[in-house]
Amino acid sequence: MRIWYQSLVDLGRSPGYFDGLATRAHAIARPGVEVVFHGLPEGTYGKHSPADVVVYPYLISLHVQFILDNALRAQAEGYDVFAVGSVQDPGLEEARSLVDLPVVGYGEAAMHFACLLGTRFSVLVFQSGFDQMMDLRIRRLGLADRALPTTLIDAGFEEVSKGMQDPARLVEVFSEAARRAIRQGAEALIPGQLYLSEAIARAGVTRIDEVPIVDGLTATLKMAEAMADLKRFGISVTRRGYLHARPTPEMVEHARRVHGRPPIPPVPPGKTA
């Protein structure tokens, strides 16, 4: 099984981050599963961090096109699953309506696992604006009754990045925010943004005051494995309803040509288009 793991981080920004993801994925994935990490094109965010940009709907709508191009590439290159590795699940529904292979998202997977671990969960995020974005995503997934309002931690992108190598201060700040959520009734915690989740996981923190922390990378990869297994048994995504209806290849090719996107790569023999 091969999993295409699509990060929202642009290539060249944090090579150590991707190396660490690959190392952890090797330990998380079951034998025989290959996880290949892909970012967005180098320079996607200019002088800004991804966290600065993704809180703006127009900007993320443009960058989602890179994700959808790569979903088509993943299908053409024979991958078994396409995983969107961002907690807000950018392009998730569009990708599911576009390709035949299973498509999973970090946010959706982590939230459903959180529902198995406790009655109510809270997502913890950094960067102002991300909290409202996550609350909207939770409602869209129909999980508002299982979630508390998203908790904002007192850290920025640079502090979280530093926490990858020197986690003490970040763990302290994360724990303080987690305890606020726990006092409000959280029984499972999801570190939002994979940068934050990775820093907490690499620090070895898996529970706070007996409340489990859902590791984003683990949740995404295990959901990817499960969905690939289901597809082998003939269980795959619906093609009924607005969010899952799949346009014909001719319609997709025409629309992509009009908008200047690359041609659709050919699907390899033995794969369903």
C-alpha atoms as a PDB file:
ATOM      1  CA  MET A   1       0.000   0.000   0.000  1.00  0.00           C
ATOM      2  CA  ARG A   2       1.252   3.477  -0.881  1.00  0.00           C
ATOM      3  CA  ILE A   3      -0.098   6.626   0.775  1.00  0.00           C
ATOM      4  CA  TRP A   4       0.409  10.080  -0.737  1.00  0.00           C
ATOM      5  CA  TYR A   5       0.555  12.441   2.250  1.00  0.00           C
ATOM      6  CA  GLN A   6      -0.142  15.999   1.130  1.00  0.00           C
ATOM      7  CA  SER A   7       1.145  18.717   3.444  1.00  0.00           C
ATOM      8  CA  LEU A   8       0.128  22.365   3.252  1.00  0.00           C
ATOM      9  CA  VAL A   9       3.719  23.369   4.081  1.00  0.00           C
ATOM     10  CA  ASP A  10       5.692  24.502   1.025  1.00  0.00           C
ATOM     11  CA  LEU A  11       8.760  22.554  -0.034  1.00  0.00           C
ATOM     12  CA  GLY A  12      12.113  23.903   1.079  1.00  0.00           C
ATOM     13  CA  ARG A  13      10.716  25.696   4.111  1.00  0.00           C
ATOM     14  CA  SER A  14      11.368  23.043   6.771  1.00  0.00           C
ATOM     15  CA  PRO A  15      13.366  20.023   5.539  1.00  0.00           C
ATOM     16  CA  GLY A  16      13.829  18.801   9.121  1.00  0.00           C
ATOM     17  CA  TYR A  17      10.063  18.838   9.564  1.00  0.00           C
ATOM     18  CA  PHE A  18       9.496  16.508   6.599  1.00  0.00           C
ATOM     19  CA  ASP A  19      12.394  14.265   7.635  1.00  0.00           C
ATOM     20  CA  GLY A  20      10.839  13.925  11.086  1.00  0.00           C
ATOM     21  CA  LEU A  21       7.439  13.125   9.584  1.00  0.00           C
ATOM     22  CA  ALA A  22       8.979  10.368   7.470  1.00  0.00           C
ATOM     23  CA  THR A  23      10.767   8.872  10.470  1.00  0.00           C
ATOM     24  CA  ARG A  24       7.617   8.818  12.572  1.00  0.00           C
ATOM     25  CA  ALA A  25       5.496   7.506   9.696  1.00  0.00           C
ATOM     26  CA  HIS A  26       7.832   4.540   9.350  1.00  0.00           C
ATOM     27  CA  ALA A  27       7.158   3.660  12.992  1.00  0.00           C
ATOM     28  CA  ILE A  28       3.402   4.320  12.785  1.00  0.00           C
ATOM     29  CA  ALA A  29       2.464   2.609   9.511  1.00  0.00           C
ATOM     30  CA  ARG A  30       2.062  -1.136   9.484  1.00  0.00           C
ATOM     31  CA  PRO A  31       4.565  -3.307   7.561  1.00  0.00           C
ATOM     32  CA  GLY A  32       4.230  -3.023   3.815  1.00  0.00           C
ATOM     33  CA  VAL A  33       2.822   0.528   3.869  1.00  0.00           C
ATOM     34  CA  GLU A  34       4.876   3.239   2.169  1.00  0.00           C
ATOM     35  CA  VAL A  35       4.115   6.863   3.067  1.00  0.00           C
ATOM     36  CA  VAL A  36       5.429   9.534   0.708  1.00  0.00           C
ATOM     37  CA  PHE A  37       5.282  13.162   1.854  1.00  0.00           C
ATOM     38  CA  HIS A  38       4.610  16.022  -0.533  1.00  0.00           C
ATOM     39  CA  GLY A  39       4.412  19.740   0.131  1.00  0.00           C
ATOM     40  CA  LEU A  40       3.189  22.679  -1.922  1.00  0.00           C
ATOM     41  CA  PRO A  41       5.528  24.307  -4.458  1.00  0.00           C
ATOM     42  CA  GLU A  42       8.466  26.159  -2.952  1.00  0.00           C
ATOM     43  CA  GLY A  43       7.638  29.817  -2.406  1.00  0.00           C
ATOM     44  CA  THR A  44       3.869  29.288  -2.227  1.00  0.00           C
ATOM     45  CA  TYR A  45       3.587  31.596   0.791  1.00  0.00           C
ATOM     46  CA  GLY A  46       6.330  34.093  -0.066  1.00  0.00           C
ATOM     47  CA  LYS A  47       7.732  35.734   3.055  1.00  0.00           C
ATOM     48  CA  HIS A  48       4.779  34.578   5.188  1.00  0.00           C
ATOM     49  CA  SER A  49       4.304  31.351   7.134  1.00  0.00           C
ATOM     50  CA  PRO A  50       1.563  28.911   6.071  1.00  0.00           C
ATOM     51  CA  ALA A  51      -0.323  29.778   9.285  1.00  0.00           C
ATOM     52  CA  ASP A  52      -0.359  33.453   8.256  1.00  0.00           C
ATOM     53  CA  VAL A  53      -1.943  32.671   4.893  1.00  0.00           C
ATOM     54  CA  VAL A  54      -4.431  29.835   5.380  1.00  0.00           C
ATOM     55  CA  VAL A  55      -6.742  31.945   7.562  1.00  0.00           C
ATOM     56  CA  TYR A  56      -7.766  33.922   4.453  1.00  0.00           C
ATOM     57  CA  PRO A  57     -10.482  32.130   2.412  1.00  0.00           C
ATOM     58  CA  TYR A  58      -9.504  33.596  -0.960  1.00  0.00           C
ATOM     59  CA  LEU A  59      -5.824  32.713  -0.611  1.00  0.00           C
ATOM     60  CA  ILE A  60      -6.442  29.151   0.516  1.00  0.00           C
ATOM     61  CA  SER A  61      -8.953  28.678  -2.321  1.00  0.00           C
ATOM     62  CA  LEU A  62      -6.114  29.357  -4.774  1.00  0.00           C
ATOM     63  CA  HIS A  63      -3.644  27.051  -3.024  1.00  0.00           C
ATOM     64  CA  VAL A  64      -6.209  24.231  -2.867  1.00  0.00           C
ATOM     65  CA  GLN A  65      -5.716  23.846  -6.621  1.00  0.00           C
ATOM     66  CA  PHE A  66      -2.199  22.527  -5.965  1.00  0.00           C
ATOM     67  CA  ILE A  67      -3.734  19.899  -3.673  1.00  0.00           C
ATOM     68  CA  LEU A  68      -6.244  18.833  -6.335  1.00  0.00           C
ATOM     69  CA  ASP A  69      -3.522  18.670  -9.006  1.00  0.00           C
ATOM     70  CA  ASN A  70      -1.631  16.320  -6.695  1.00  0.00           C
ATOM     71  CA  ALA A  71      -4.696  14.168  -6.033  1.00  0.00           C
ATOM     72  CA  LEU A  72      -4.842  13.545  -9.784  1.00  0.00           C
ATOM     73  CA  ARG A  73      -1.101  12.839  -9.805  1.00  0.00           C
ATOM     74  CA  ALA A  74      -1.465  10.383  -6.921  1.00  0.00           C
ATOM     75  CA  GLN A  75      -4.139   8.497  -8.833  1.00  0.00           C
ATOM     76  CA  ALA A  76      -2.055   8.509 -12.028  1.00  0.00           C
ATOM     77  CA  GLU A  77       1.026   7.248 -10.176  1.00  0.00           C
ATOM     78  CA  GLY A  78      -0.832   4.313  -8.665  1.00  0.00           C
ATOM     79  CA  TYR A  79      -1.100   5.390  -5.028  1.00  0.00           C
ATOM     80  CA  ASP A  80      -3.711   3.620  -2.918  1.00  0.00           C
ATOM     81  CA  VAL A  81      -4.768   6.575  -0.718  1.00  0.00           C
ATOM     82  CA  PHE A  82      -4.534  10.367  -0.896  1.00  0.00           C
ATOM     83  CA  ALA A  83      -4.212  11.963   2.559  1.00  0.00           C
ATOM     84  CA  VAL A  84      -4.711  15.680   3.195  1.00  0.00           C
ATOM     85  CA  GLY A  85      -2.439  16.428   6.149  1.00  0.00           C
ATOM     86  CA  SER A  86      -3.946  19.671   7.433  1.00  0.00           C
ATOM     87  CA  VAL A  87      -6.418  19.867  10.292  1.00  0.00           C
ATOM     88  CA  GLN A  88      -8.821  22.138   8.387  1.00  0.00           C
ATOM     89  CA  ASP A  89      -8.986  19.516   5.563  1.00  0.00           C
ATOM     90  CA  PRO A  90      -8.440  21.891   2.608  1.00  0.00           C
ATOM     91  CA  GLY A  91      -9.750  20.473  -0.653  1.00  0.00           C
ATOM     92  CA  LEU A  92     -10.953  17.265   0.985  1.00  0.00           C
ATOM     93  CA  GLU A  93     -14.465  17.180  -0.472  1.00  0.00           C
ATOM     94  CA  GLU A  94     -13.276  18.384  -3.874  1.00  0.00           C
ATOM     95  CA  ALA A  95     -10.607  15.674  -4.021  1.00  0.00           C
ATOM     96  CA  ARG A  96     -13.126  12.977  -3.082  1.00  0.00           C
ATOM     97  CA  SER A  97     -15.355  14.092  -5.931  1.00  0.00           C
ATOM     98  CA  LEU A  98     -12.422  14.098  -8.364  1.00  0.00           C
ATOM     99  CA  VAL A  99     -10.534  10.807  -7.950  1.00  0.00           C
ATOM    100  CA  ASP A 100     -11.431   7.181  -7.410  1.00  0.00           C
ATOM    101  CA  LEU A 101      -8.895   6.349  -4.695  1.00  0.00           C
ATOM    102  CA  PRO A 102      -9.797   6.888  -1.017  1.00  0.00           C
ATOM    103  CA  VAL A 103      -9.205  10.434   0.246  1.00  0.00           C
ATOM    104  CA  VAL A 104      -8.764  11.079   3.976  1.00  0.00           C
ATOM    105  CA  GLY A 105      -8.171  14.262   5.969  1.00  0.00           C
ATOM    106  CA  TYR A 106      -6.246  14.878   9.164  1.00  0.00           C
ATOM    107  CA  GLY A 107      -8.997  16.958  10.793  1.00  0.00           C
ATOM    108  CA  GLU A 108     -11.842  14.619   9.933  1.00  0.00           C
ATOM    109  CA  ALA A 109      -9.866  11.510  10.954  1.00  0.00           C
ATOM    110  CA  ALA A 110      -8.633  13.007  14.232  1.00  0.00           C
ATOM    111  CA  MET A 111     -12.106  14.222  15.204  1.00  0.00           C
ATOM    112  CA  HIS A 112     -13.731  10.858  14.552  1.00  0.00           C
ATOM    113  CA  PHE A 113     -11.031   9.085  16.560  1.00  0.00           C
ATOM    114  CA  ALA A 114     -11.531  11.651  19.331  1.00  0.00           C
ATOM    115  CA  CYS A 115     -15.211  10.698  19.420  1.00  0.00           C
ATOM    116  CA  LEU A 116     -14.129   7.097  20.117  1.00  0.00           C
ATOM    117  CA  LEU A 117     -11.892   8.187  23.005  1.00  0.00           C
ATOM    118  CA  GLY A 118     -14.200  10.563  24.878  1.00  0.00           C
ATOM    119  CA  THR A 119     -17.634  12.147  24.880  1.00  0.00           C
ATOM    120  CA  ARG A 120     -16.474  15.642  23.914  1.00  0.00           C
ATOM    121  CA  PHE A 121     -13.249  16.881  22.384  1.00  0.00           C
ATOM    122  CA  SER A 122     -11.462  20.171  21.893  1.00  0.00           C
ATOM    123  CA  VAL A 123      -9.111  21.199  19.097  1.00  0.00           C
ATOM    124  CA  LEU A 124      -6.166  23.334  20.277  1.00  0.00           C
ATOM    125  CA  VAL A 125      -4.679  25.739  17.737  1.00  0.00           C
ATOM    126  CA  PHE A 126      -2.212  28.591  17.471  1.00  0.00           C
ATOM    127  CA  GLN A 127      -2.721  31.684  15.281  1.00  0.00           C
ATOM    128  CA  SER A 128      -5.705  33.980  15.706  1.00  0.00           C
ATOM    129  CA  GLY A 129      -8.418  33.193  13.183  1.00  0.00           C
ATOM    130  CA  PHE A 130      -7.693  29.475  13.174  1.00  0.00           C
ATOM    131  CA  ASP A 131     -10.062  28.951  16.093  1.00  0.00           C
ATOM    132  CA  GLN A 132     -13.061  30.283  14.168  1.00  0.00           C
ATOM    133  CA  MET A 133     -12.003  28.322  11.084  1.00  0.00           C
ATOM    134  CA  MET A 134     -11.937  25.102  13.094  1.00  0.00           C
ATOM    135  CA  ASP A 135     -15.311  25.776  14.719  1.00  0.00           C
ATOM    136  CA  LEU A 136     -16.781  26.187  11.224  1.00  0.00           C
ATOM    137  CA  ARG A 137     -15.114  22.953  10.064  1.00  0.00           C
ATOM    138  CA  ILE A 138     -16.457  21.056  13.065  1.00  0.00           C
ATOM    139  CA  ARG A 139     -19.986  22.232  12.284  1.00  0.00           C
ATOM    140  CA  ARG A 140     -19.599  21.237   8.654  1.00  0.00           C
ATOM    141  CA  LEU A 141     -18.611  17.731   9.747  1.00  0.00           C
ATOM    142  CA  GLY A 142     -21.743  17.548  11.930  1.00  0.00           C
ATOM    143  CA  LEU A 143     -19.707  17.151  15.124  1.00  0.00           C
ATOM    144  CA  ALA A 144     -20.676  20.346  16.958  1.00  0.00           C
ATOM    145  CA  ASP A 145     -22.488  18.375  19.687  1.00  0.00           C
ATOM    146  CA  ARG A 146     -19.306  16.386  20.368  1.00  0.00           C
ATOM    147  CA  ALA A 147     -16.940  19.372  20.415  1.00  0.00           C
ATOM    148  CA  LEU A 148     -16.152  22.275  22.689  1.00  0.00           C
ATOM    149  CA  PRO A 149     -15.213  25.634  21.167  1.00  0.00           C
ATOM    150  CA  THR A 150     -11.722  25.507  19.709  1.00  0.00           C
ATOM    151  CA  THR A 151      -9.019  26.481  22.226  1.00  0.00           C
ATOM    152  CA  LEU A 152      -6.386  29.053  21.209  1.00  0.00           C
ATOM    153  CA  ILE A 153      -2.943  28.506  22.732  1.00  0.00           C
ATOM    154  CA  ASP A 154      -0.538  31.323  23.541  1.00  0.00           C
ATOM    155  CA  ALA A 155       2.082  30.622  20.860  1.00  0.00           C
ATOM    156  CA  GLY A 156       2.864  31.604  17.290  1.00  0.00           C
ATOM    157  CA  PHE A 157       4.379  29.810  14.306  1.00  0.00           C
ATOM    158  CA  GLU A 158       7.956  30.546  15.356  1.00  0.00           C
ATOM    159  CA  GLU A 159       7.396  29.263  18.907  1.00  0.00           C
ATOM    160  CA  VAL A 160       5.833  26.076  17.572  1.00  0.00           C
ATOM    161  CA  SER A 161       8.688  25.595  15.110  1.00  0.00           C
ATOM    162  CA  LYS A 162      11.203  26.007  17.933  1.00  0.00           C
ATOM    163  CA  GLY A 163       9.229  23.457  19.936  1.00  0.00           C
ATOM    164  CA  MET A 164      10.207  20.762  17.438  1.00  0.00           C
ATOM    165  CA  GLN A 165      13.757  20.795  18.852  1.00  0.00           C
ATOM    166  CA  ASP A 166      13.258  22.395  22.272  1.00  0.00           C
ATOM    167  CA  PRO A 167       9.749  21.483  23.421  1.00  0.00           C
ATOM    168  CA  ALA A 168       9.770  22.475  27.107  1.00  0.00           C
ATOM    169  CA  ARG A 169       8.181  25.923  26.745  1.00  0.00           C
ATOM    170  CA  LEU A 170       5.682  24.789  24.080  1.00  0.00           C
ATOM    171  CA  VAL A 171       4.583  21.811  26.193  1.00  0.00           C
ATOM    172  CA  GLU A 172       4.031  24.182  29.114  1.00  0.00           C
ATOM    173  CA  VAL A 173       1.884  26.539  27.011  1.00  0.00           C
ATOM    174  CA  PHE A 174       0.003  23.651  25.381  1.00  0.00           C
ATOM    175  CA  SER A 175      -0.668  22.026  28.757  1.00  0.00           C
ATOM    176  CA  GLU A 176      -2.067  25.266  30.184  1.00  0.00           C
ATOM    177  CA  ALA A 177      -4.474  25.602  27.245  1.00  0.00           C
ATOM    178  CA  ALA A 178      -5.354  21.905  27.456  1.00  0.00           C
ATOM    179  CA  ARG A 179      -6.297  22.234  31.120  1.00  0.00           C
ATOM    180  CA  ARG A 180      -8.582  25.148  30.251  1.00  0.00           C
ATOM    181  CA  ALA A 181     -10.351  22.899  27.749  1.00  0.00           C
ATOM    182  CA  ILE A 182     -10.468  20.026  30.245  1.00  0.00           C
ATOM    183  CA  ARG A 183     -12.093  22.256  32.871  1.00  0.00           C
ATOM    184  CA  GLN A 184     -14.786  23.023  30.303  1.00  0.00           C
ATOM    185  CA  GLY A 185     -15.429  19.311  29.759  1.00  0.00           C
ATOM    186  CA  ALA A 186     -12.972  18.113  27.096  1.00  0.00           C
ATOM    187  CA  GLU A 187     -12.309  14.374  27.308  1.00  0.00           C
ATOM    188  CA  ALA A 188     -10.036  14.197  24.233  1.00  0.00           C
ATOM    189  CA  LEU A 189      -7.644  16.759  22.781  1.00  0.00           C
ATOM    190  CA  ILE A 190      -6.575  17.368  19.178  1.00  0.00           C
ATOM    191  CA  PRO A 191      -3.504  19.532  18.541  1.00  0.00           C
ATOM    192  CA  GLY A 192      -4.546  21.558  15.487  1.00  0.00           C
ATOM    193  CA  GLN A 193      -2.081  22.190  12.668  1.00  0.00           C
ATOM    194  CA  LEU A 194       0.334  19.327  12.077  1.00  0.00           C
ATOM    195  CA  TYR A 195       3.259  21.514  13.154  1.00  0.00           C
ATOM    196  CA  LEU A 196       1.760  21.678  16.647  1.00  0.00           C
ATOM    197  CA  SER A 197       0.740  18.029  16.678  1.00  0.00           C
ATOM    198  CA  GLU A 198       4.237  16.951  15.632  1.00  0.00           C
ATOM    199  CA  ALA A 199       5.931  19.078  18.283  1.00  0.00           C
ATOM    200  CA  ILE A 200       3.725  17.618  21.019  1.00  0.00           C
ATOM    201  CA  ALA A 201       4.125  14.055  19.735  1.00  0.00           C
ATOM    202  CA  ARG A 202       7.901  14.355  19.415  1.00  0.00           C
ATOM    203  CA  ALA A 203       8.001  15.624  23.002  1.00  0.00           C
ATOM    204  CA  GLY A 204       6.387  12.328  24.030  1.00  0.00           C
ATOM    205  CA  VAL A 205       3.223  13.901  25.481  1.00  0.00           C
ATOM    206  CA  THR A 206       0.226  11.611  24.917  1.00  0.00           C
ATOM    207  CA  ARG A 207      -2.095  12.506  27.854  1.00  0.00           C
ATOM    208  CA  ILE A 208      -2.755  15.470  30.103  1.00  0.00           C
ATOM    209  CA  ASP A 209      -4.585  14.825  33.388  1.00  0.00           C
ATOM    210  CA  GLU A 210      -5.774  11.459  32.002  1.00  0.00           C
ATOM    211  CA  VAL A 211      -7.202  13.079  28.855  1.00  0.00           C
ATOM    212  CA  PRO A 212      -5.808  11.492  25.647  1.00  0.00           C
ATOM    213  CA  ILE A 213      -4.174  13.557  22.911  1.00  0.00           C
ATOM    214  CA  VAL A 214      -4.997  12.490  19.342  1.00  0.00           C
ATOM    215  CA  ASP A 215      -1.753  12.497  17.357  1.00  0.00           C
ATOM    216  CA  GLY A 216      -2.624  13.937  13.935  1.00  0.00           C
ATOM    217  CA  LEU A 217      -0.127  11.901  11.923  1.00  0.00           C
ATOM    218  CA  THR A 218      -1.158   8.628  13.550  1.00  0.00           C
ATOM    219  CA  ALA A 219      -4.875   9.351  13.101  1.00  0.00           C
ATOM    220  CA  THR A 220      -4.424  10.227   9.432  1.00  0.00           C
ATOM    221  CA  LEU A 221      -2.280   7.218   8.556  1.00  0.00           C
ATOM    222  CA  LYS A 222      -4.466   4.721  10.415  1.00  0.00           C
ATOM    223  CA  MET A 223      -7.588   6.114   8.748  1.00  0.00           C
ATOM    224  CA  ALA A 224      -5.809   5.888   5.390  1.00  0.00           C
ATOM    225  CA  GLU A 225      -4.956   2.239   5.995  1.00  0.00           C
ATOM    226  CA  ALA A 226      -8.533   1.478   7.041  1.00  0.00           C
ATOM    227  CA  MET A 227     -10.060   3.171   4.000  1.00  0.00           C
ATOM    228  CA  ALA A 228      -7.699   1.319   1.651  1.00  0.00           C
ATOM    229  CA  ASP A 229      -8.692  -1.946   3.345  1.00  0.00           C
ATOM    230  CA  LEU A 230     -12.383  -1.145   2.945  1.00  0.00           C
ATOM    231  CA  LYS A 231     -11.884  -0.423  -0.752  1.00  0.00           C
ATOM    232  CA  ARG A 232     -10.269  -3.835  -1.211  1.00  0.00           C
ATOM    233  CA  PHE A 233     -13.518  -5.336   0.117  1.00  0.00           C
ATOM    234  CA  GLY A 234     -15.591  -3.279  -2.300  1.00  0.00           C
ATOM    235  CA  ILE A 235     -16.590  -0.502   0.129  1.00  0.00           C
ATOM    236  CA  SER A 236     -15.856   2.935  -1.290  1.00  0.00           C
ATOM    237  CA  VAL A 237     -17.163   6.476  -1.300  1.00  0.00           C
ATOM    238  CA  THR A 238     -20.726   7.209  -2.430  1.00  0.00           C
ATOM    239  CA  ARG A 239     -21.326   8.901  -5.748  1.00  0.00           C
ATOM    240  CA  ARG A 240     -24.734  10.223  -4.730  1.00  0.00           C
ATOM    241  CA  GLY A 241     -25.348  13.730  -3.441  1.00  0.00           C
ATOM    242  CA  TYR A 242     -23.750  17.106  -4.127  1.00  0.00           C
ATOM    243  CA  LEU A 243     -20.481  16.637  -2.228  1.00  0.00           C
ATOM    244  CA  HIS A 244     -19.579  13.276  -3.775  1.00  0.00           C
ATOM    245  CA  ALA A 245     -20.907  13.434  -7.348  1.00  0.00           C
ATOM    246  CA  ARG A 246     -18.061  12.917  -9.812  1.00  0.00           C
ATOM    247  CA  PRO A 247     -17.978  14.873 -13.092  1.00  0.00           C
ATOM    248  CA  THR A 248     -17.043  13.158 -16.327  1.00  0.00           C
ATOM    249  CA  PRO A 249     -13.385  13.252 -17.439  1.00  0.00           C
ATOM    250  CA  GLU A 250     -14.389  15.451 -20.389  1.00  0.00           C
ATOM    251  CA  MET A 251     -15.943  18.026 -18.059  1.00  0.00           C
ATOM    252  CA  VAL A 252     -12.887  18.001 -15.809  1.00  0.00           C
ATOM    253  CA  GLU A 253     -10.469  18.310 -18.732  1.00  0.00           C
ATOM    254  CA  HIS A 254     -12.407  21.248 -20.184  1.00  0.00           C
ATOM    255  CA  ALA A 255     -12.596  23.114 -16.856  1.00  0.00           C
ATOM    256  CA  ARG A 256      -8.909  22.579 -16.151  1.00  0.00           C
ATOM    257  CA  ARG A 257      -7.988  23.825 -19.618  1.00  0.00           C
ATOM    258  CA  VAL A 258     -10.110  26.963 -19.150  1.00  0.00           C
ATOM    259  CA  HIS A 259      -8.405  27.705 -15.812  1.00  0.00           C
ATOM    260  CA  GLY A 260      -4.888  26.914 -16.966  1.00  0.00           C
ATOM    261  CA  ARG A 261      -4.332  23.810 -14.849  1.00  0.00           C
ATOM    262  CA  PRO A 262      -1.999  21.003 -16.037  1.00  0.00           C
ATOM    263  CA  PRO A 263      -3.550  18.234 -18.175  1.00  0.00           C
ATOM    264  CA  ILE A 264      -4.982  15.249 -16.312  1.00  0.00           C
ATOM    265  CA  PRO A 265      -2.265  12.579 -16.007  1.00  0.00           C
ATOM    266  CA  PRO A 266      -3.168   9.184 -17.510  1.00  0.00           C
ATOM    267  CA  VAL A 267      -4.285   6.499 -15.072  1.00  0.00           C
ATOM    268  CA  PRO A 268      -1.967   3.453 -15.048  1.00  0.00           C
ATOM    269  CA  PRO A 269      -3.230   0.103 -16.354  1.00  0.00           C
ATOM    270  CA  GLY A 270      -5.263  -1.856 -13.842  1.00  0.00           C
ATOM    271  CA  LYS A 271      -6.427   1.235 -11.958  1.00  0.00           C
ATOM    272  CA  THR A 272      -9.928   2.689 -12.098  1.00  0.00           C
ATOM    273  CA  ALA A 273     -10.185   6.213 -13.490  1.00  0.00           C
END
